[in-house]
């Protein structure tokens, strides 16, 4: 499976110094050229680099947990079906 996801905190002072992390669209424009497959972007507006430590980190955890179901097809499951 080669389906990339990029999850960023909107106020990430490490990853967002060279990329405008204000929206998923601005991150996609900057990052998509680095990937051969379509890139899924998630920006947690009120978070820094560690999404899990955000006061409302449950929001990003829900996105990450639901992501495989949004991008995988039955052929991607790895079980040959």
Protein backbone atom coordinates (compact mmCIF):
# COMPACT_ATOMS: atom_id res chain seq x y z
CA UNK A 1 0.00 0.00 0.00
CA UNK A 2 1.42 3.37 -1.02
CA UNK A 3 -1.17 5.94 0.01
CA UNK A 4 0.47 8.88 1.80
CA UNK A 5 -1.08 11.05 4.49
CA UNK A 6 0.36 14.30 5.82
CA UNK A 7 -1.00 15.47 9.18
CA UNK A 8 0.22 18.83 10.44
CA UNK A 9 -0.52 21.21 13.25
CA UNK A 10 -1.51 24.60 11.88
CA UNK A 11 0.91 26.33 14.26
CA UNK A 12 3.74 23.79 13.89
CA UNK A 13 6.88 25.90 14.19
CA UNK A 14 9.04 23.01 12.92
CA UNK A 15 7.27 21.64 9.83
CA UNK A 16 5.49 24.83 8.86
CA UNK A 17 8.50 27.09 8.53
CA UNK A 18 8.90 26.29 4.81
CA UNK A 19 5.26 25.39 4.11
CA UNK A 20 2.15 27.47 4.70
CA UNK A 21 0.14 25.20 7.01
CA UNK A 22 -2.89 27.46 7.29
CA UNK A 23 -5.09 25.11 5.22
CA UNK A 24 -4.97 21.61 3.76
CA UNK A 25 -4.94 23.12 0.27
CA UNK A 26 -1.80 25.19 0.89
CA UNK A 27 0.00 22.15 2.33
CA UNK A 28 -1.12 20.00 -0.64
CA UNK A 29 0.23 22.52 -3.17
CA UNK A 30 3.62 22.49 -1.44
CA UNK A 31 3.87 18.76 -0.66
CA UNK A 32 2.11 16.87 -3.49
CA UNK A 33 5.10 17.18 -5.90
CA UNK A 34 7.07 15.01 -3.43
CA UNK A 35 4.66 12.06 -3.78
CA UNK A 36 3.69 9.82 -6.70
CA UNK A 37 0.24 9.04 -5.24
CA UNK A 38 -2.48 11.53 -4.28
CA UNK A 39 -1.73 12.96 -0.87
CA UNK A 40 -4.31 13.13 1.90
CA UNK A 41 -3.79 16.26 4.00
CA UNK A 42 -5.03 17.02 7.49
CA UNK A 43 -4.30 20.31 9.26
CA UNK A 44 -5.21 20.63 12.92
CA UNK A 45 -5.49 24.40 13.19
CA UNK A 46 -4.92 24.71 16.93
CA UNK A 47 -1.96 22.37 17.26
CA UNK A 48 1.79 22.52 17.10
CA UNK A 49 4.04 19.69 15.90
CA UNK A 50 2.65 16.95 18.18
CA UNK A 51 -1.02 16.56 17.30
CA UNK A 52 -1.57 14.12 20.18
CA UNK A 53 -0.63 16.79 22.74
CA UNK A 54 -3.13 19.37 21.46
CA UNK A 55 -5.83 20.26 23.98
CA UNK A 56 -8.36 18.97 21.45
CA UNK A 57 -6.10 16.18 20.17
CA UNK A 58 -9.02 13.77 20.00
CA UNK A 59 -10.03 15.54 16.76
CA UNK A 60 -6.80 14.56 15.01
CA UNK A 61 -6.90 11.05 16.51
CA UNK A 62 -10.37 10.54 15.00
CA UNK A 63 -9.10 11.67 11.58
CA UNK A 64 -6.12 9.29 11.71
CA UNK A 65 -8.27 6.37 12.87
CA UNK A 66 -10.82 6.92 10.07
CA UNK A 67 -8.24 7.60 7.33
CA UNK A 68 -7.64 3.96 6.20
CA UNK A 69 -11.36 3.45 5.63
CA UNK A 70 -11.49 6.51 3.38
CA UNK A 71 -8.56 5.57 1.17
CA UNK A 72 -8.41 1.76 1.05
CA UNK A 73 -10.25 -0.34 -1.48
CA UNK A 74 -10.83 -4.09 -1.09
CA UNK A 75 -7.78 -4.68 -3.33
CA UNK A 76 -5.57 -2.74 -0.86
CA UNK A 77 -6.37 -4.96 2.11
CA UNK A 78 -3.37 -7.23 1.55
CA UNK A 79 -5.36 -10.41 1.89
CA UNK A 80 -5.77 -11.07 -1.83
CA UNK A 81 -9.51 -10.52 -1.94
